[in-house]
């Protein structure tokens, strides 16, 4: 297309530009003084340079069940879809699940391209771009392979980065992604969480947290730095605000120790003392703290009264990662025989191995007939979905959907999971 070329020098001697490259530069300049609610209009205003005639952003809700239209202050355009799109039963949902680019031809001859909206590997939603017949080669039976589709990937990539960045400066996107009223305890937990998904050449991390609007004591954290990945999962005693406060203090103490360069055993002792001071020994949190050498695959972990992590290799559950547990964090052990000294477990991972950290609210979830969700069901779901080629975040989403279905949508306890895949920098990880 002629719009892909640089234009001739203007009267003032500067070279004017048109097409995708100029549009991306224009969007980047505008982004410096852009509010979150203006991102949809920014994308729509620039889509013509990529060959499109319209664009609509859809963002996933908090529970990753539906895709919600993210519209600018001006509201929907003519003929624009404004209803949420179910992730499990729509073309847009398939794009979100598999991270593919798919097309949909309209009766008037226009084509809608659906593209993933990503921030790194974090799935934010999908971008729907309408293309007129002029933008496509009519002899091409697959619009997703047309040159315009590749250009639109750049637009979707920038849109995803802007959405994530601008989320921090307002509540527009946060409110949009909520489909129910959130409790104060859950508000605290979600404000504390790291991104649910991370990927780099050495490893990927995918986490989930339920019940999204009522969670209190469960939480997780991670940090990936040169040569090392630190991971932790916590399960605070009880429910409600007090449990959430315990989790917040535990994660803050963990980050404080981790960022000060403390070893895993020292970090456990510091968290234990902080929780003991905060609760006076009247509340506690179970936990697993782990460190993965991202170069060698050496895994070390400490268990503080928590369910044992699971090691998955070549589509099979190899074993539970057992180590003698120390008591839960925050318990006053004076006058008892229990030793607070943590024992460090170790295991050597192989490229492609997955390690699952989870809380007991997952495996101990009961169906109405009293049946536990259980370790076997949990690992079977993960192994089956990974074997089907699904990305780790989609695998975890499906585990949560199955967990909610098992308890008919009403979890009796918090449930959190982190799936870590180590790849030894072989370049096989996908977003």
Protein backbone atom coordinates (compact mmCIF):
# COMPACT_ATOMS: atom_id res chain seq x y z
CA UNK A 1 0.00 0.00 0.00
CA UNK A 2 1.23 3.47 -0.79
CA UNK A 3 0.58 4.56 2.78
CA UNK A 4 3.54 2.47 3.91
CA UNK A 5 6.08 4.83 2.34
CA UNK A 6 7.71 7.97 3.61
CA UNK A 7 6.44 11.12 1.96
CA UNK A 8 8.36 13.90 0.25
CA UNK A 9 10.03 16.74 2.18
CA UNK A 10 7.55 19.36 3.39
CA UNK A 11 7.83 23.11 2.92
CA UNK A 12 9.83 23.50 6.11
CA UNK A 13 12.32 20.85 5.02
CA UNK A 14 11.11 18.04 7.32
CA UNK A 15 10.18 14.64 5.92
CA UNK A 16 6.52 13.85 6.48
CA UNK A 17 5.56 10.24 7.07
CA UNK A 18 2.44 8.18 6.69
CA UNK A 19 1.49 4.60 7.31
CA UNK A 20 1.98 2.27 10.26
CA UNK A 21 5.40 3.51 11.36
CA UNK A 22 4.26 7.12 11.49
CA UNK A 23 1.05 6.10 13.24
CA UNK A 24 2.94 4.20 15.93
CA UNK A 25 5.20 7.20 16.47
CA UNK A 26 2.17 9.47 16.70
CA UNK A 27 0.53 7.16 19.25
CA UNK A 28 3.69 7.05 21.34
CA UNK A 29 3.92 10.83 21.40
CA UNK A 30 0.27 11.17 22.35
CA UNK A 31 0.64 8.54 25.09
CA UNK A 32 2.80 10.82 27.22
CA UNK A 33 -0.24 12.93 28.11
CA UNK A 34 -2.99 10.33 27.72
CA UNK A 35 -5.52 9.16 30.30
CA UNK A 36 -6.64 5.53 30.42
CA UNK A 37 -10.15 6.32 29.22
CA UNK A 38 -8.76 7.85 26.01
CA UNK A 39 -6.84 4.75 24.87
CA UNK A 40 -9.77 3.30 22.82
CA UNK A 41 -10.18 6.55 20.87
CA UNK A 42 -6.42 6.76 20.30
CA UNK A 43 -6.44 3.28 18.76
CA UNK A 44 -9.49 4.02 16.65
CA UNK A 45 -8.08 7.33 15.43
CA UNK A 46 -4.94 5.63 14.11
CA UNK A 47 -6.30 2.35 12.76
CA UNK A 48 -6.72 3.73 9.22
CA UNK A 49 -2.94 3.93 8.87
CA UNK A 50 -2.83 0.15 9.33
CA UNK A 51 -5.53 -0.55 6.77
CA UNK A 52 -8.51 -0.70 9.13
CA UNK A 53 -11.71 1.31 9.18
CA UNK A 54 -12.68 0.70 12.82
CA UNK A 55 -11.21 -0.80 16.00
CA UNK A 56 -12.69 -1.91 19.31
CA UNK A 57 -10.76 -3.06 22.39
CA UNK A 58 -12.24 -5.80 24.57
CA UNK A 59 -10.77 -6.46 28.01
CA UNK A 60 -11.13 -9.61 30.06
CA UNK A 61 -13.08 -9.40 33.29
CA UNK A 62 -11.36 -10.25 36.56
CA UNK A 63 -12.40 -13.91 36.46
CA UNK A 64 -11.53 -14.30 32.77
CA UNK A 65 -15.04 -15.38 31.86
CA UNK A 66 -16.08 -12.61 29.44
CA UNK A 67 -14.53 -9.93 27.23
CA UNK A 68 -15.92 -6.48 28.02
CA UNK A 69 -15.96 -3.67 25.40
CA UNK A 70 -13.56 -0.89 26.37
CA UNK A 71 -15.13 2.21 24.84
CA UNK A 72 -13.90 5.78 24.90
CA UNK A 73 -15.85 8.70 26.42
CA UNK A 74 -17.74 9.11 23.14
CA UNK A 75 -19.40 5.72 23.55
CA UNK A 76 -19.98 3.06 20.88
CA UNK A 77 -19.69 3.69 17.17
CA UNK A 78 -22.32 2.90 14.58
CA UNK A 79 -23.06 -0.83 14.56
CA UNK A 80 -20.52 -1.47 17.31
CA UNK A 81 -20.88 -4.53 19.53
CA UNK A 82 -21.32 -3.34 23.11
CA UNK A 83 -22.24 -6.56 24.86
CA UNK A 84 -19.64 -8.65 26.71
CA UNK A 85 -18.41 -11.66 24.73
CA UNK A 86 -18.16 -15.01 26.55
CA UNK A 87 -14.61 -16.35 26.43
CA UNK A 88 -15.66 -20.00 26.25
CA UNK A 89 -18.09 -19.73 23.32
CA UNK A 90 -17.04 -16.97 20.90
CA UNK A 91 -14.45 -16.37 18.23
CA UNK A 92 -13.05 -13.52 20.29
CA UNK A 93 -12.78 -15.87 23.24
CA UNK A 94 -10.86 -18.38 21.16
CA UNK A 95 -8.35 -15.67 20.27
CA UNK A 96 -7.97 -14.88 23.97
CA UNK A 97 -7.50 -18.54 24.88
CA UNK A 98 -5.07 -19.58 22.15
CA UNK A 99 -3.41 -16.23 21.30
CA UNK A 100 -4.19 -16.75 17.63
CA UNK A 101 -5.22 -14.14 15.06
CA UNK A 102 -8.62 -15.07 13.58
CA UNK A 103 -10.88 -13.48 11.00
CA UNK A 104 -14.63 -13.11 10.57
CA UNK A 105 -16.22 -12.01 7.29
CA UNK A 106 -19.33 -9.84 7.46
CA UNK A 107 -22.22 -9.97 4.94
CA UNK A 108 -21.16 -6.63 3.43
CA UNK A 109 -17.75 -8.03 2.50
CA UNK A 110 -15.82 -6.39 5.33
CA UNK A 111 -13.59 -8.57 7.49
CA UNK A 112 -13.04 -8.33 11.25
CA UNK A 113 -9.60 -9.39 12.42
CA UNK A 114 -9.42 -10.46 16.07
CA UNK A 115 -5.98 -10.05 17.64
CA UNK A 116 -4.72 -10.74 21.19
CA UNK A 117 -4.12 -7.75 23.45
CA UNK A 118 -1.02 -8.54 25.49
CA UNK A 119 1.25 -6.80 27.94
CA UNK A 120 4.32 -8.99 27.57
CA UNK A 121 2.70 -12.38 28.21
CA UNK A 122 -0.17 -11.01 30.33
CA UNK A 123 -3.46 -11.50 28.50
CA UNK A 124 -5.50 -8.31 28.66
CA UNK A 125 -8.16 -9.06 26.06
CA UNK A 126 -8.58 -8.83 22.29
CA UNK A 127 -8.60 -6.15 19.62
CA UNK A 128 -11.27 -6.25 16.88
CA UNK A 129 -10.26 -4.39 13.71
CA UNK A 130 -12.67 -3.99 10.81
CA UNK A 131 -11.09 -4.08 7.35
CA UNK A 132 -12.74 -3.11 4.11
CA UNK A 133 -12.29 -5.23 1.02
CA UNK A 134 -9.79 -2.69 -0.30
CA UNK A 135 -7.33 -3.57 2.47
CA UNK A 136 -7.34 -7.24 1.56
CA UNK A 137 -6.30 -9.31 -1.39
CA UNK A 138 -9.61 -10.81 -2.50
CA UNK A 139 -7.80 -13.87 -3.81
CA UNK A 140 -6.40 -14.58 -0.35
CA UNK A 141 -8.64 -17.09 1.43
CA UNK A 142 -6.96 -16.39 4.78
CA UNK A 143 -7.11 -12.70 5.79
CA UNK A 144 -4.95 -13.41 8.83
CA UNK A 145 -2.02 -13.95 6.44
CA UNK A 146 -2.55 -10.73 4.52
CA UNK A 147 0.16 -8.05 4.94
CA UNK A 148 -2.31 -5.84 6.80
CA UNK A 149 -2.67 -8.49 9.52
CA UNK A 150 1.02 -8.35 10.34
CA UNK A 151 0.90 -4.55 10.57
CA UNK A 152 -2.07 -4.77 12.90
CA UNK A 153 -0.08 -6.95 15.28
CA UNK A 154 2.07 -3.90 15.93
CA UNK A 155 -1.00 -1.82 16.69
CA UNK A 156 -2.36 -4.47 19.07
CA UNK A 157 1.01 -4.73 20.80
CA UNK A 158 1.20 -1.01 21.46
CA UNK A 159 -2.44 -0.87 22.54
CA UNK A 160 -1.81 -3.61 25.09
CA UNK A 161 1.22 -1.84 26.52
CA UNK A 162 -0.70 1.45 26.80
CA UNK A 163 -3.68 -0.19 28.49
CA UNK A 164 -1.50 -1.81 31.13
CA UNK A 165 0.56 1.33 31.73
CA UNK A 166 -2.41 3.69 31.95
CA UNK A 167 -4.33 1.37 34.28
CA UNK A 168 -2.13 2.62 37.13
CA UNK A 169 -3.34 6.22 36.80
CA UNK A 170 -7.09 5.85 37.17
CA UNK A 171 -9.95 3.51 38.00
CA UNK A 172 -11.62 3.36 34.57
CA UNK A 173 -10.07 0.06 33.52
CA UNK A 174 -10.20 -1.43 37.01
CA UNK A 175 -13.94 -0.78 37.23
CA UNK A 176 -14.53 -2.03 33.70
CA UNK A 177 -13.01 -5.41 34.49
CA UNK A 178 -15.21 -5.97 37.54
CA UNK A 179 -18.54 -7.75 37.13
CA UNK A 180 -19.54 -7.74 40.79
CA UNK A 181 -18.96 -5.70 43.92
CA UNK A 182 -15.59 -6.39 45.49
CA UNK A 183 -15.08 -6.86 49.21
CA UNK A 184 -12.52 -4.77 51.06
CA UNK A 185 -10.35 -7.82 51.83
CA UNK A 186 -10.26 -8.75 48.14
CA UNK A 187 -9.46 -5.12 47.24
CA UNK A 188 -6.39 -5.36 49.43
CA UNK A 189 -5.31 -8.66 47.89
CA UNK A 190 -5.67 -7.59 44.25
CA UNK A 191 -3.80 -4.36 44.95
CA UNK A 192 -0.92 -6.45 46.25
CA UNK A 193 -0.69 -9.07 43.48
CA UNK A 194 2.03 -9.04 40.83
CA UNK A 195 0.89 -9.53 37.21
CA UNK A 196 -0.79 -12.93 36.84
CA UNK A 197 1.51 -13.91 33.96
CA UNK A 198 5.20 -13.49 33.18
CA UNK A 199 7.46 -15.06 30.56
CA UNK A 200 11.10 -14.77 29.51
CA UNK A 201 13.37 -17.20 27.62
CA UNK A 202 14.23 -19.09 30.82
CA UNK A 203 10.81 -19.58 32.40
CA UNK A 204 7.17 -18.63 32.57
CA UNK A 205 4.91 -17.96 35.55
CA UNK A 206 1.10 -18.16 35.52
CA UNK A 207 -1.04 -17.55 38.58
CA UNK A 208 -4.72 -17.40 39.50
CA UNK A 209 -6.68 -16.30 42.56
CA UNK A 210 -10.28 -17.12 43.52
CA UNK A 211 -12.91 -16.25 44.62
CA UNK A 212 -11.96 -13.05 42.81
CA UNK A 213 -14.35 -10.70 44.62
CA UNK A 214 -14.18 -12.27 48.09
CA UNK A 215 -10.65 -13.65 48.45
CA UNK A 216 -8.96 -12.79 51.74
CA UNK A 217 -6.07 -14.88 53.08
CA UNK A 218 -4.61 -16.44 49.96
CA UNK A 219 -1.99 -14.66 47.89
CA UNK A 220 1.21 -15.24 45.96
CA UNK A 221 4.24 -13.28 44.82
CA UNK A 222 7.22 -13.72 42.54
CA UNK A 223 10.25 -11.84 41.26
CA UNK A 224 12.47 -12.80 38.31
CA UNK A 225 15.99 -11.38 38.28
CA UNK A 226 19.26 -12.35 36.54
CA UNK A 227 19.85 -16.02 37.26
CA UNK A 228 17.17 -16.37 39.94
CA UNK A 229 13.40 -16.55 40.30
CA UNK A 230 11.87 -16.12 43.74
CA UNK A 231 8.39 -17.54 44.32
CA UNK A 232 6.05 -17.65 47.29
CA UNK A 233 2.49 -18.63 48.10
CA UNK A 234 0.74 -17.75 51.37
CA UNK A 235 -2.48 -18.89 53.03
CA UNK A 236 -3.48 -16.70 55.95
CA UNK A 237 -5.61 -18.10 58.76
CA UNK A 238 -9.32 -17.45 58.67
CA UNK A 239 -11.40 -15.29 56.35
CA UNK A 240 -12.30 -11.68 55.86
CA UNK A 241 -10.40 -8.52 56.64
CA UNK A 242 -8.16 -9.94 59.36
CA UNK A 243 -6.98 -12.71 57.06
CA UNK A 244 -6.28 -10.20 54.29
CA UNK A 245 -4.27 -8.02 56.67
CA UNK A 246 -2.19 -11.05 57.60
CA UNK A 247 -1.51 -11.80 53.93
CA UNK A 248 -0.56 -8.19 53.19
CA UNK A 249 1.93 -8.15 56.07
CA UNK A 250 3.36 -11.51 54.99
CA UNK A 251 3.97 -10.39 51.40
CA UNK A 252 5.38 -7.03 52.50
CA UNK A 253 7.80 -8.79 54.85
CA UNK A 254 8.72 -11.27 52.12
CA UNK A 255 9.48 -8.49 49.62
CA UNK A 256 11.43 -6.56 52.22
CA UNK A 257 13.65 -9.55 52.97
CA UNK A 258 13.96 -10.57 49.32
CA UNK A 259 14.92 -7.08 48.13
CA UNK A 260 17.49 -6.84 50.88
CA UNK A 261 19.17 -9.94 49.44
CA UNK A 262 18.28 -12.25 52.32
CA UNK A 263 18.54 -16.00 51.84
CA UNK A 264 15.40 -18.12 51.77
CA UNK A 265 15.85 -19.38 55.38
CA UNK A 266 16.52 -15.86 56.64
CA UNK A 267 13.48 -14.56 54.78
CA UNK A 268 11.30 -17.20 56.42
CA UNK A 269 12.57 -16.26 59.88
CA UNK A 270 11.96 -12.56 59.24
CA UNK A 271 8.42 -13.12 57.97
CA UNK A 272 7.74 -15.33 60.97
CA UNK A 273 8.87 -12.61 63.39
CA UNK A 274 6.91 -9.87 61.61
CA UNK A 275 3.68 -11.91 61.69
CA UNK A 276 4.27 -12.79 65.33
CA UNK A 277 4.65 -9.11 66.20
CA UNK A 278 1.63 -8.12 64.12
CA UNK A 279 -0.76 -10.73 65.53
CA UNK A 280 0.69 -11.46 68.95
CA UNK A 281 0.76 -15.14 68.10
CA UNK A 282 -3.00 -15.22 67.59
CA UNK A 283 -2.91 -15.70 63.82
CA UNK A 284 -0.69 -17.49 61.37
CA UNK A 285 -0.03 -18.14 57.70
CA UNK A 286 1.14 -21.27 55.96
CA UNK A 287 3.56 -20.71 53.10
CA UNK A 288 6.00 -22.12 50.58
CA UNK A 289 9.00 -20.02 49.63
CA UNK A 290 11.09 -21.18 46.68
CA UNK A 291 14.11 -20.08 44.67
CA UNK A 292 14.82 -21.36 41.18
CA UNK A 293 18.23 -20.98 39.56
CA UNK A 294 17.06 -20.07 36.07
CA UNK A 295 20.38 -21.10 34.51
CA UNK A 296 20.95 -24.53 36.08
CA UNK A 297 17.39 -25.46 37.03
CA UNK A 298 18.30 -26.04 40.68
CA UNK A 299 15.21 -25.55 42.87
CA UNK A 300 15.31 -24.89 46.61
CA UNK A 301 12.27 -24.42 48.82
CA UNK A 302 11.01 -24.19 52.38
CA UNK A 303 7.61 -25.39 53.55
CA UNK A 304 5.85 -23.73 56.47
CA UNK A 305 2.88 -26.02 57.07
CA UNK A 306 1.65 -25.75 53.47
CA UNK A 307 0.57 -28.29 50.80
CA UNK A 308 3.59 -29.71 49.01
CA UNK A 309 4.43 -28.34 45.54
CA UNK A 310 3.98 -30.75 42.63
CA UNK A 311 6.59 -31.55 39.96
CA UNK A 312 5.29 -32.29 36.44
CA UNK A 313 7.59 -33.71 33.78
CA UNK A 314 6.89 -35.06 30.27
CA UNK A 315 3.15 -34.99 30.84
CA UNK A 316 3.28 -36.87 34.13
CA UNK A 317 3.16 -36.04 37.82
CA UNK A 318 6.62 -37.05 38.98
CA UNK A 319 6.25 -36.41 42.69
CA UNK A 320 5.28 -34.06 45.46
CA UNK A 321 8.22 -31.92 46.52
CA UNK A 322 8.56 -33.07 50.10
CA UNK A 323 10.68 -31.50 52.78
CA UNK A 324 10.22 -31.60 56.54
CA UNK A 325 7.91 -28.61 57.16
CA UNK A 326 8.43 -26.04 59.85
CA UNK A 327 5.34 -24.71 61.70
CA UNK A 328 3.20 -22.04 60.03
CA UNK A 329 4.53 -18.50 60.17
CA UNK A 330 3.46 -16.28 63.06
CA UNK A 331 2.85 -18.96 65.70
CA UNK A 332 4.33 -18.34 69.15
CA UNK A 333 6.46 -21.44 69.71
CA UNK A 334 7.71 -20.50 73.16
CA UNK A 335 7.05 -23.29 75.62
CA UNK A 336 6.70 -25.89 72.85
CA UNK A 337 9.09 -28.43 71.40
CA UNK A 338 8.51 -27.32 67.84
CA UNK A 339 11.55 -25.92 66.09
CA UNK A 340 11.20 -22.81 63.94
CA UNK A 341 14.38 -23.67 62.06
CA UNK A 342 13.48 -24.21 58.40
CA UNK A 343 14.70 -27.21 56.42
CA UNK A 344 15.60 -26.42 52.82
CA UNK A 345 14.55 -28.91 50.16
CA UNK A 346 16.31 -29.24 46.83
CA UNK A 347 15.51 -30.71 43.42
CA UNK A 348 17.06 -30.58 39.97
CA UNK A 349 14.63 -29.58 37.25
CA UNK A 350 14.90 -30.69 33.64
CA UNK A 351 14.11 -28.38 30.71
CA UNK A 352 10.35 -28.30 30.22
CA UNK A 353 9.54 -29.19 33.85
CA UNK A 354 6.63 -27.49 35.58
CA UNK A 355 6.26 -26.86 39.31
CA UNK A 356 2.84 -26.12 40.80
CA UNK A 357 2.44 -24.21 44.06
CA UNK A 358 -1.10 -24.05 45.44
CA UNK A 359 -3.19 -23.59 48.57
CA UNK A 360 -5.43 -26.17 50.23
CA UNK A 361 -8.54 -24.33 49.06
CA UNK A 362 -7.91 -25.94 45.65
CA UNK A 363 -7.59 -29.63 46.52
CA UNK A 364 -9.99 -29.50 49.49
CA UNK A 365 -12.81 -27.85 47.55
CA UNK A 366 -15.92 -30.02 47.97
CA UNK A 367 -18.72 -30.71 45.54
CA UNK A 368 -22.28 -30.74 46.95
CA UNK A 369 -21.98 -34.53 47.35
CA UNK A 370 -18.86 -34.09 49.48
CA UNK A 371 -16.33 -35.12 46.82
CA UNK A 372 -12.98 -33.35 47.11
CA UNK A 373 -11.47 -31.69 44.05
CA UNK A 374 -8.26 -33.50 44.99
CA UNK A 375 -4.65 -33.66 43.82
CA UNK A 376 -5.37 -36.13 41.03
CA UNK A 377 -8.07 -34.04 39.39
CA UNK A 378 -5.87 -30.94 39.68
CA UNK A 379 -2.81 -32.51 38.06
CA UNK A 380 -4.86 -34.29 35.38
CA UNK A 381 -6.37 -30.97 34.30
CA UNK A 382 -3.00 -29.26 34.10
CA UNK A 383 -1.30 -32.12 32.26
CA UNK A 384 -4.15 -32.53 29.77
CA UNK A 385 -4.37 -28.85 28.89
CA UNK A 386 -0.62 -28.38 28.56
CA UNK A 387 -0.46 -31.50 26.36
CA UNK A 388 -3.13 -29.94 24.14
CA UNK A 389 -0.73 -27.07 23.47
CA UNK A 390 -2.58 -24.47 25.51
CA UNK A 391 -0.54 -21.61 26.99
CA UNK A 392 0.10 -21.88 30.72
CA UNK A 393 -2.22 -18.92 31.55
CA UNK A 394 -5.09 -20.58 29.68
CA UNK A 395 -4.36 -23.86 31.43
CA UNK A 396 -4.66 -22.13 34.80
CA UNK A 397 -7.84 -20.35 33.72
CA UNK A 398 -9.41 -23.68 32.86
CA UNK A 399 -8.36 -25.19 36.17
CA UNK A 400 -10.18 -22.38 37.96
CA UNK A 401 -13.28 -22.79 35.77
CA UNK A 402 -13.30 -26.50 36.65
CA UNK A 403 -12.82 -25.70 40.33
CA UNK A 404 -15.75 -23.28 40.33
CA UNK A 405 -17.90 -25.80 38.48
CA UNK A 406 -16.96 -28.47 41.03
CA UNK A 407 -18.35 -26.29 43.83
CA UNK A 408 -21.18 -24.95 41.67
CA UNK A 409 -19.66 -21.46 41.59
CA UNK A 410 -19.36 -20.98 45.35
CA UNK A 411 -15.90 -21.61 46.76
CA UNK A 412 -15.93 -22.30 50.49
CA UNK A 413 -12.26 -21.33 50.83
CA UNK A 414 -9.74 -19.17 49.00
CA UNK A 415 -7.81 -20.86 46.22
CA UNK A 416 -4.57 -19.69 44.62
CA UNK A 417 -2.14 -21.42 42.28
CA UNK A 418 1.17 -20.61 40.58
CA UNK A 419 2.48 -22.72 37.71
CA UNK A 420 6.18 -22.24 36.95
CA UNK A 421 7.66 -23.69 33.77
CA UNK A 422 11.44 -23.83 33.44
CA UNK A 423 12.81 -23.91 29.92
CA UNK A 424 16.59 -23.52 30.35
CA UNK A 425 16.70 -20.75 27.72
CA UNK A 426 15.96 -23.15 24.83
CA UNK A 427 13.65 -20.62 23.21
CA UNK A 428 10.52 -22.81 23.35
CA UNK A 429 8.36 -20.67 25.61
CA UNK A 430 5.40 -18.91 24.03
CA UNK A 431 3.55 -15.88 25.48
